[in-house]
Amino acid sequence: MPRLSAYRYSHFVPSVLLLVAGLAAAYVRDLNVFFTSLFNVLPTLVLLLGGAYCAVYRRQRELFLMVTVYIAYFLLDTQTDHYRDNGKVREDAAVIFHLCCLLLPLLYGLYGAWQERTHLLQDMVARFAVLLAVGSVALGLEQSFPQALLNWLADIRWPALHGQWMSLIQLAYPVFALMFVLLGVQYVRSPRPLHAAQLVGLAGLFWMLPKTFILPFTLNIMCSQVMLMIAAAVAHEGYQMAFRDELTGLPGRRALNERLQRLGRNYVIAMSDVDHFKRFNDTHGHDVGDQVLRLVASKLGKIGGGGRAYRYGGEEFALVFAGKTLEECLPHLEVVRGVIAAYVIHLRDPDRPVDDQQGRQRRGASGASQVSVTISIGVAERQLEQRSPEEVIKAADQALYAAKGAGRNCVIAQGQNRRGAIRTKAA
């Protein structure tokens, strides 16, 4: 189970905004010629641009999600066009609509949960084969046994669960519910913008289908919005990979470089380093080293005083205080240093019993199963002799070296000698 910090509102914000915009646009009845023409070509345009974007970056899961939504749009759009032009539906409208209500959430959930684990070509062939098989069977049944298929789809199998509010066939509701659960569990197990977008997109499709023949351009707008959600999620994840450190969850070096360009004239930069980090890796292994980095990052990420933590590289972190003075920042740096020094990391025993109670008893009885970690911090303020952020970082690095020389586990400001270090000796 991932940490609670991995669940972010920001994963849902772009998709929810697109969903709200789609709902608002769908209820606008009087549209001018420009918007009417735009909505007619918008789904195809989004598929071409978003599909090309996914194909270039080899995001086949997202590509097939878009294709699934577009196929449903194409099939239903031919029906709605006929209805608008002739004032009545086509003879096959009911069976086509019911098939889309059943197969759209089924394929959408299947492709949404289908992880890309094999060779790219094999994965694409497998996804295409599933789409072709399902489509061929559905088309064959619709062409050969249209009335029997319609009766089977429209049959009310559970009268006690049927409500007057149901605008779709009864089978569609358990399928939608199952896909919501499937995609919801996927997000809980692996919180990502894409998984959040899939959930919001499925909600949009669930709202859209009953309104297909009621609100004009609902089909065009909502299908376009769902495909945009998927494309936006791909861009969101690309941004995270470029600007956020995957191990610690903190903004990375590239995000720091961008922030340094917008600091203004008054700011403080602190450089922090994990003491004896190589010893942790050599003694306890890289898994414990990663655990140490995540711990330090989580504490630094909560620093007060308006500071923002970044992973600078390796075991080194940067903290930026915009619009602050050195005197304002030092108490907050000392607090976070003390919090980290006081924290005890309990190491998991590789031979730990399956029973949690026995495992806790063994862990409490063994002194070797816990370690402590400390950090050293060097801090510098922008001054007349160091105007650029790079010069301030260099000064903070020099102060960090002084903190290491002063015995570690302390905070030293620029120009401060070793005897002036702010430090609380570990017991």
Protein backbone atom coordinates (compact mmCIF):
# COMPACT_ATOMS: atom_id res chain seq x y z
CA MET A 1 0.00 0.00 0.00
CA PRO A 2 1.54 3.40 -0.96
CA ARG A 3 2.09 6.20 1.54
CA LEU A 4 -0.77 8.64 2.15
CA SER A 5 1.42 11.41 0.72
CA ALA A 6 1.20 9.66 -2.64
CA TYR A 7 -2.52 10.48 -2.91
CA ARG A 8 -2.79 13.98 -4.32
CA TYR A 9 -5.72 16.20 -5.20
CA SER A 10 -3.62 17.46 -8.10
CA HIS A 11 -4.01 14.05 -9.77
CA PHE A 12 -7.73 14.77 -10.19
CA VAL A 13 -7.79 18.53 -10.77
CA PRO A 14 -7.20 18.66 -14.59
CA SER A 15 -9.69 15.87 -15.28
CA VAL A 16 -12.35 17.31 -12.98
CA LEU A 17 -11.98 20.74 -14.59
CA LEU A 18 -12.40 19.19 -18.04
CA LEU A 19 -15.43 17.24 -16.83
CA VAL A 20 -17.07 20.36 -15.38
CA ALA A 21 -16.34 22.30 -18.58
CA GLY A 22 -17.88 19.49 -20.63
CA LEU A 23 -21.01 19.41 -18.46
CA ALA A 24 -21.41 23.17 -18.77
CA ALA A 25 -20.96 23.12 -22.55
CA ALA A 26 -23.39 20.21 -22.99
CA TYR A 27 -26.24 22.17 -21.41
CA VAL A 28 -25.82 25.15 -23.74
CA ARG A 29 -28.61 24.76 -26.29
CA ASP A 30 -28.20 27.82 -28.53
CA LEU A 31 -24.82 27.56 -30.22
CA ASN A 32 -23.57 29.72 -33.06
CA VAL A 33 -22.24 28.27 -36.29
CA PHE A 34 -18.63 28.39 -35.13
CA PHE A 35 -19.18 26.19 -32.06
CA THR A 36 -21.49 23.88 -33.96
CA SER A 37 -18.79 23.27 -36.57
CA LEU A 38 -16.13 22.94 -33.87
CA PHE A 39 -18.03 20.30 -31.91
CA ASN A 40 -18.57 18.29 -35.09
CA VAL A 41 -14.83 17.89 -35.71
CA LEU A 42 -13.56 18.09 -32.12
CA PRO A 43 -13.56 14.34 -31.30
CA THR A 44 -11.66 13.46 -34.47
CA LEU A 45 -9.22 16.31 -33.92
CA VAL A 46 -8.58 15.28 -30.29
CA LEU A 47 -8.05 11.66 -31.32
CA LEU A 48 -5.54 12.60 -34.02
CA LEU A 49 -3.55 14.97 -31.81
CA GLY A 50 -3.83 12.98 -28.58
CA GLY A 51 -3.31 9.66 -30.33
CA ALA A 52 -0.21 10.94 -32.10
CA TYR A 53 1.09 12.26 -28.78
CA CYS A 54 0.57 8.89 -27.10
CA ALA A 55 2.05 7.00 -30.03
CA VAL A 56 5.22 9.14 -30.07
CA TYR A 57 5.79 8.48 -26.37
CA ARG A 58 4.75 4.82 -26.68
CA ARG A 59 1.80 5.10 -24.33
CA GLN A 60 -0.26 2.31 -25.85
CA ARG A 61 -2.67 1.93 -22.96
CA GLU A 62 -3.74 5.56 -23.31
CA LEU A 63 -3.90 5.25 -27.10
CA PHE A 64 -6.31 2.32 -26.95
CA LEU A 65 -8.41 4.09 -24.33
CA MET A 66 -8.84 6.95 -26.79
CA VAL A 67 -9.60 4.59 -29.65
CA THR A 68 -12.25 2.81 -27.57
CA VAL A 69 -13.97 6.08 -26.72
CA TYR A 70 -13.78 7.25 -30.34
CA ILE A 71 -15.29 4.04 -31.73
CA ALA A 72 -18.24 4.43 -29.36
CA TYR A 73 -18.54 8.06 -30.41
CA PHE A 74 -18.51 7.14 -34.11
CA LEU A 75 -21.18 4.46 -33.74
CA LEU A 76 -23.48 6.67 -31.68
CA ASP A 77 -22.84 9.80 -33.75
CA THR A 78 -24.24 8.12 -36.87
CA GLN A 79 -27.40 7.43 -34.89
CA THR A 80 -27.74 10.96 -33.48
CA ASP A 81 -27.13 12.51 -36.93
CA HIS A 82 -29.90 10.41 -38.40
CA TYR A 83 -32.17 11.38 -35.51
CA ARG A 84 -31.50 15.12 -35.96
CA ASP A 85 -31.94 14.98 -39.74
CA ASN A 86 -35.05 12.80 -39.89
CA GLY A 87 -36.70 13.24 -36.51
CA LYS A 88 -36.62 9.51 -35.81
CA VAL A 89 -34.04 6.90 -34.98
CA ARG A 90 -32.73 4.20 -37.31
CA GLU A 91 -33.99 0.66 -37.08
CA ASP A 92 -30.76 -0.57 -35.51
CA ALA A 93 -30.45 2.39 -33.13
CA ALA A 94 -31.62 0.50 -30.03
CA VAL A 95 -29.31 -2.48 -30.41
CA ILE A 96 -26.31 -0.27 -31.29
CA PHE A 97 -26.96 2.00 -28.33
CA HIS A 98 -27.36 -0.91 -25.90
CA LEU A 99 -24.19 -2.57 -27.19
CA CYS A 100 -22.25 0.66 -26.65
CA CYS A 101 -23.67 1.00 -23.14
CA LEU A 102 -22.39 -2.49 -22.34
CA LEU A 103 -19.12 -2.70 -24.26
CA LEU A 104 -17.84 0.86 -23.78
CA PRO A 105 -17.34 0.62 -19.99
CA LEU A 106 -16.15 -2.98 -20.32
CA LEU A 107 -13.39 -2.17 -22.82
CA TYR A 108 -12.59 1.15 -21.16
CA GLY A 109 -12.04 -0.56 -17.80
CA LEU A 110 -10.12 -3.42 -19.40
CA TYR A 111 -7.70 -1.15 -21.26
CA GLY A 112 -7.44 1.17 -18.26
CA ALA A 113 -6.29 -1.65 -15.97
CA TRP A 114 -4.18 -3.42 -18.61
CA GLN A 115 -0.59 -2.63 -17.66
CA GLU A 116 2.12 -2.42 -20.33
CA ARG A 117 4.40 -5.26 -19.28
CA THR A 118 5.41 -7.02 -22.49
CA HIS A 119 7.25 -6.03 -25.65
CA LEU A 120 5.66 -2.96 -27.24
CA LEU A 121 4.76 -4.73 -30.48
CA GLN A 122 3.36 -7.76 -28.67
CA ASP A 123 1.36 -5.51 -26.38
CA MET A 124 -0.11 -3.56 -29.30
CA VAL A 125 -1.03 -6.76 -31.15
CA ALA A 126 -2.70 -8.19 -28.04
CA ARG A 127 -4.74 -5.02 -27.44
CA PHE A 128 -5.76 -4.81 -31.07
CA ALA A 129 -6.70 -8.51 -31.07
CA VAL A 130 -9.02 -7.99 -28.09
CA LEU A 131 -10.64 -4.98 -29.72
CA LEU A 132 -11.03 -6.82 -33.02
CA ALA A 133 -12.44 -9.95 -31.37
CA VAL A 134 -15.00 -8.09 -29.28
CA GLY A 135 -15.99 -5.88 -32.21
CA SER A 136 -16.30 -8.79 -34.61
CA VAL A 137 -18.47 -10.83 -32.25
CA ALA A 138 -20.72 -7.85 -31.51
CA LEU A 139 -21.05 -6.98 -35.21
CA GLY A 140 -21.74 -10.59 -36.18
CA LEU A 141 -24.48 -10.95 -33.58
CA GLU A 142 -26.01 -7.60 -34.51
CA GLN A 143 -26.13 -8.51 -38.19
CA SER A 144 -27.30 -12.11 -37.76
CA PHE A 145 -29.64 -11.97 -34.76
CA PRO A 146 -30.61 -8.32 -34.23
CA GLN A 147 -33.94 -8.93 -32.50
CA ALA A 148 -32.71 -11.76 -30.30
CA LEU A 149 -29.66 -9.68 -29.30
CA LEU A 150 -31.86 -6.69 -28.55
CA ASN A 151 -34.17 -8.78 -26.36
CA TRP A 152 -31.21 -10.25 -24.49
CA LEU A 153 -29.64 -6.85 -23.88
CA ALA A 154 -32.88 -5.14 -22.81
CA ASP A 155 -34.04 -7.97 -20.55
CA ILE A 156 -34.61 -6.97 -16.90
CA ARG A 157 -32.90 -9.78 -15.04
CA TRP A 158 -33.26 -8.43 -11.51
CA PRO A 159 -36.69 -6.76 -11.18
CA ALA A 160 -36.15 -6.00 -7.50
CA LEU A 161 -33.09 -3.90 -8.36
CA HIS A 162 -34.65 -2.10 -11.31
CA GLY A 163 -35.57 1.55 -10.80
CA GLN A 164 -37.54 4.02 -12.87
CA TRP A 165 -34.48 6.30 -12.93
CA MET A 166 -32.48 3.79 -14.96
CA SER A 167 -32.02 5.14 -18.47
CA LEU A 168 -29.63 2.40 -19.60
CA ILE A 169 -30.07 -1.34 -19.88
CA GLN A 170 -29.84 -3.09 -16.56
CA LEU A 171 -26.68 -4.96 -17.50
CA ALA A 172 -24.81 -1.69 -18.00
CA TYR A 173 -25.02 -0.66 -14.35
CA PRO A 174 -23.17 -3.63 -12.80
CA VAL A 175 -20.56 -3.34 -15.57
CA PHE A 176 -20.02 0.35 -14.80
CA ALA A 177 -19.91 -0.43 -11.07
CA LEU A 178 -17.36 -3.19 -11.58
CA MET A 179 -15.16 -0.93 -13.72
CA PHE A 180 -15.37 1.86 -11.14
CA VAL A 181 -14.19 -0.58 -8.47
CA LEU A 182 -11.43 -1.93 -10.72
CA LEU A 183 -10.07 1.51 -11.64
CA GLY A 184 -10.55 2.77 -8.08
CA VAL A 185 -8.47 -0.07 -6.66
CA GLN A 186 -5.86 0.61 -9.32
CA TYR A 187 -5.56 4.24 -8.19
CA VAL A 188 -5.40 3.24 -4.50
CA ARG A 189 -2.60 0.78 -5.21
CA SER A 190 -0.74 3.07 -7.60
CA PRO A 191 -1.71 6.75 -7.30
CA ARG A 192 -1.01 8.38 -10.66
CA PRO A 193 -2.58 11.19 -12.70
CA LEU A 194 -3.48 8.67 -15.41
CA HIS A 195 -5.36 6.41 -13.00
CA ALA A 196 -7.22 9.42 -11.61
CA ALA A 197 -8.10 10.57 -15.14
CA GLN A 198 -9.47 7.12 -15.99
CA LEU A 199 -11.84 7.27 -13.02
CA VAL A 200 -13.09 10.76 -13.86
CA GLY A 201 -13.39 9.82 -17.54
CA LEU A 202 -15.50 6.79 -16.69
CA ALA A 203 -17.80 9.04 -14.66
CA GLY A 204 -18.12 11.32 -17.69
CA LEU A 205 -19.08 8.41 -19.94
CA PHE A 206 -21.63 7.20 -17.38
CA TRP A 207 -23.25 10.65 -17.40
CA MET A 208 -23.06 11.00 -21.18
CA LEU A 209 -24.81 7.85 -22.37
CA PRO A 210 -28.34 8.57 -21.03
CA LYS A 211 -28.12 12.12 -22.49
CA THR A 212 -26.96 11.07 -25.95
CA PHE A 213 -30.31 11.61 -27.69
CA ILE A 214 -31.55 14.31 -25.28
CA LEU A 215 -28.91 17.07 -25.20
CA PRO A 216 -27.44 18.18 -28.54
CA PHE A 217 -23.68 17.70 -28.92
CA THR A 218 -23.43 15.91 -25.57
CA LEU A 219 -21.81 12.96 -27.31
CA ASN A 220 -19.27 15.10 -29.17
CA ILE A 221 -18.36 17.21 -26.17
CA MET A 222 -18.03 14.50 -23.52
CA CYS A 223 -16.12 12.04 -25.72
CA SER A 224 -13.71 14.85 -26.59
CA GLN A 225 -13.33 15.76 -22.93
CA VAL A 226 -12.62 12.16 -21.89
CA MET A 227 -9.94 11.83 -24.56
CA LEU A 228 -8.50 15.18 -23.46
CA MET A 229 -8.39 13.92 -19.87
CA ILE A 230 -6.27 10.99 -20.96
CA ALA A 231 -3.93 13.16 -23.04
CA ALA A 232 -3.65 15.70 -20.21
CA ALA A 233 -2.80 12.89 -17.77
CA VAL A 234 0.03 11.74 -20.05
CA ALA A 235 1.38 15.30 -20.11
CA HIS A 236 0.94 15.55 -16.32
CA GLU A 237 2.93 12.38 -15.75
CA GLY A 238 5.60 13.56 -18.18
CA TYR A 239 5.91 16.77 -16.16
CA GLN A 240 6.19 14.80 -12.92
CA MET A 241 8.93 12.59 -14.33
CA ALA A 242 10.87 15.66 -15.43
CA PHE A 243 10.37 17.87 -12.37
CA ARG A 244 9.63 15.56 -9.41
CA ASP A 245 11.98 13.04 -7.83
CA GLU A 246 10.40 9.60 -7.97
CA LEU A 247 12.02 8.18 -4.84
CA THR A 248 11.33 11.00 -2.39
CA GLY A 249 8.37 12.75 -4.01
CA LEU A 250 10.10 16.12 -3.67
CA PRO A 251 10.62 18.48 -6.61
CA GLY A 252 13.86 17.63 -8.36
CA ARG A 253 16.89 19.51 -9.69
CA ARG A 254 15.10 20.81 -12.77
CA ALA A 255 12.26 22.23 -10.68
CA LEU A 256 14.84 23.90 -8.44
CA ASN A 257 16.57 25.49 -11.43
CA GLU A 258 13.28 26.98 -12.57
CA ARG A 259 12.47 28.24 -9.08
CA LEU A 260 15.85 29.95 -8.80
CA GLN A 261 14.96 32.18 -11.76
CA ARG A 262 11.95 33.62 -9.90
CA LEU A 263 13.33 34.29 -6.43
CA GLY A 264 13.53 38.07 -6.50
CA ARG A 265 16.11 40.02 -4.51
CA ASN A 266 15.74 38.63 -0.99
CA TYR A 267 16.04 34.93 -0.33
CA VAL A 268 17.90 32.28 1.63
CA ILE A 269 19.15 28.93 0.35
CA ALA A 270 20.17 26.02 2.58
CA MET A 271 22.02 22.91 1.46
CA SER A 272 21.46 19.76 3.50
CA ASP A 273 23.33 16.47 3.42
CA VAL A 274 22.65 13.14 5.16
CA ASP A 275 25.49 12.32 7.53
CA HIS A 276 27.41 9.09 6.87
CA PHE A 277 24.98 8.09 4.14
CA LYS A 278 27.49 5.75 2.49
CA ARG A 279 27.73 3.90 5.80
CA PHE A 280 23.99 3.22 5.74
CA ASN A 281 24.20 1.75 2.25
CA ASP A 282 27.30 -0.32 2.98
CA THR A 283 26.03 -1.61 6.33
CA HIS A 284 22.30 -2.07 5.76
CA GLY A 285 21.92 -2.12 1.98
CA HIS A 286 20.40 0.24 -0.56
CA ASP A 287 16.85 -0.47 0.58
CA VAL A 288 17.62 1.07 3.95
CA GLY A 289 19.43 3.90 2.18
CA ASP A 290 16.28 4.61 0.18
CA GLN A 291 14.25 4.49 3.38
CA VAL A 292 16.58 7.06 4.94
CA LEU A 293 16.25 9.38 1.95
CA ARG A 294 12.46 9.13 2.05
CA LEU A 295 12.45 9.89 5.77
CA VAL A 296 14.67 12.95 5.39
CA ALA A 297 12.65 14.15 2.40
CA SER A 298 9.35 13.80 4.27
CA LYS A 299 10.66 15.87 7.20
CA LEU A 300 12.29 18.51 5.02
CA GLY A 301 9.11 18.76 2.96
CA LYS A 302 7.26 19.93 6.10
CA ILE A 303 9.74 22.66 7.06
CA GLY A 304 8.15 25.86 8.30
CA GLY A 305 8.95 29.47 7.59
CA GLY A 306 7.84 29.35 3.99
CA GLY A 307 10.66 27.04 2.94
CA ARG A 308 10.44 24.65 0.01
CA ALA A 309 12.53 21.47 -0.15
CA TYR A 310 14.11 20.04 -3.31
CA ARG A 311 16.19 16.95 -3.92
CA TYR A 312 19.45 18.33 -5.25
CA GLY A 313 21.08 14.99 -6.01
CA GLY A 314 22.14 11.82 -4.23
CA GLU A 315 21.76 12.39 -0.48
CA GLU A 316 21.83 16.17 -0.81
CA PHE A 317 18.78 18.42 -0.52
CA ALA A 318 18.21 22.13 -1.10
CA LEU A 319 15.81 24.34 0.84
CA VAL A 320 14.70 27.68 -0.59
CA PHE A 321 13.20 30.51 1.46
CA ALA A 322 11.90 33.28 -0.79
CA GLY A 323 11.55 36.76 0.72
CA LYS A 324 13.19 35.71 4.00
CA THR A 325 16.27 36.72 5.95
CA LEU A 326 18.89 34.45 7.47
CA GLU A 327 17.70 35.20 11.02
CA GLU A 328 14.14 34.20 10.10
CA CYS A 329 15.19 30.87 8.57
CA LEU A 330 17.72 29.57 11.09
CA PRO A 331 15.15 28.55 13.77
CA HIS A 332 13.14 26.53 11.25
CA LEU A 333 16.26 24.79 9.96
CA GLU A 334 17.27 23.89 13.50
CA VAL A 335 13.79 22.50 14.22
CA VAL A 336 13.82 20.18 11.20
CA ARG A 337 17.38 19.09 12.00
CA GLY A 338 16.31 18.17 15.53
CA VAL A 339 13.20 16.33 14.31
CA ILE A 340 15.27 14.16 11.99
CA ALA A 341 17.93 13.49 14.65
CA ALA A 342 15.27 12.39 17.15
CA TYR A 343 13.55 10.02 14.74
CA VAL A 344 14.38 6.31 15.07
CA ILE A 345 14.11 4.11 11.98
CA HIS A 346 12.97 0.55 12.69
CA LEU A 347 14.50 -1.86 10.20
CA ARG A 348 12.49 -4.82 8.95
CA ASP A 349 14.02 -8.19 9.73
CA PRO A 350 14.27 -10.31 6.55
CA ASP A 351 13.28 -13.30 8.72
CA ARG A 352 10.43 -11.38 10.34
CA PRO A 353 7.47 -13.63 11.32
CA VAL A 354 4.28 -13.36 9.34
CA ASP A 355 2.33 -12.55 12.50
CA ASP A 356 2.53 -8.77 13.15
CA GLN A 357 2.48 -9.11 16.94
CA GLN A 358 5.40 -11.54 16.99
CA GLY A 359 7.25 -9.29 14.54
CA ARG A 360 6.84 -6.23 16.77
CA GLN A 361 8.01 -8.21 19.80
CA ARG A 362 11.12 -9.38 17.98
CA ARG A 363 11.81 -5.89 16.67
CA GLY A 364 11.48 -4.37 20.15
CA ALA A 365 13.80 -6.98 21.66
CA SER A 366 16.61 -6.40 19.18
CA GLY A 367 18.74 -3.30 19.47
CA ALA A 368 20.20 -3.85 16.02
CA SER A 369 16.84 -3.41 14.32
CA GLN A 370 16.77 0.37 14.68
CA VAL A 371 19.02 3.17 13.45
CA SER A 372 19.11 6.94 13.72
CA VAL A 373 19.97 9.45 11.02
CA THR A 374 21.26 13.01 11.21
CA ILE A 375 21.76 15.78 8.70
CA SER A 376 24.14 18.69 8.37
CA ILE A 377 22.91 22.00 6.98
CA GLY A 378 24.74 24.94 5.47
CA VAL A 379 22.79 28.10 4.82
CA ALA A 380 23.50 31.35 2.95
CA GLU A 381 21.61 34.56 2.24
CA ARG A 382 21.70 36.64 -0.90
CA GLN A 383 24.08 39.55 -0.38
CA LEU A 384 25.70 42.26 -2.45
CA GLU A 385 28.81 40.15 -3.08
CA GLN A 386 26.75 37.14 -4.20
CA ARG A 387 23.91 38.30 -6.38
CA SER A 388 23.08 35.19 -8.39
CA PRO A 389 21.38 32.03 -7.01
CA GLU A 390 24.36 29.97 -8.14
CA GLU A 391 26.68 32.07 -5.97
CA VAL A 392 24.34 31.72 -2.99
CA ILE A 393 24.24 27.93 -3.47
CA LYS A 394 28.03 27.87 -3.61
CA ALA A 395 28.18 29.81 -0.34
CA ALA A 396 25.64 27.42 1.24
CA ASP A 397 27.76 24.48 0.08
CA GLN A 398 30.81 26.00 1.75
CA ALA A 399 28.79 26.38 4.95
CA LEU A 400 27.70 22.75 4.60
CA TYR A 401 31.35 21.65 4.43
CA ALA A 402 31.96 23.69 7.59
CA ALA A 403 29.05 21.89 9.27
CA LYS A 404 30.60 18.55 8.32
CA GLY A 405 33.92 19.68 9.76
CA ALA A 406 32.23 20.85 12.95
CA GLY A 407 31.17 17.31 13.73
CA ARG A 408 27.98 16.99 11.65
CA ASN A 409 24.38 17.13 12.91
CA CYS A 410 24.40 20.92 13.03
CA VAL A 411 23.40 24.07 11.16
CA ILE A 412 26.08 26.54 10.09
CA ALA A 413 25.40 29.83 8.35
CA GLN A 414 27.62 31.47 5.78
CA GLY A 415 30.63 33.11 7.42
CA GLN A 416 30.01 31.36 10.73
CA ASN A 417 32.97 29.56 12.25
CA ARG A 418 32.75 26.02 13.52
CA ARG A 419 32.41 27.09 17.12
CA GLY A 420 29.29 29.06 16.21
CA ALA A 421 27.45 26.04 14.89
CA ILE A 422 23.87 25.55 15.99
CA ARG A 423 23.85 22.02 17.25
CA THR A 424 22.33 19.70 19.77
CA LYS A 425 24.64 16.77 20.45
CA ALA A 426 23.03 13.38 20.19
CA ALA A 427 22.89 11.52 23.48
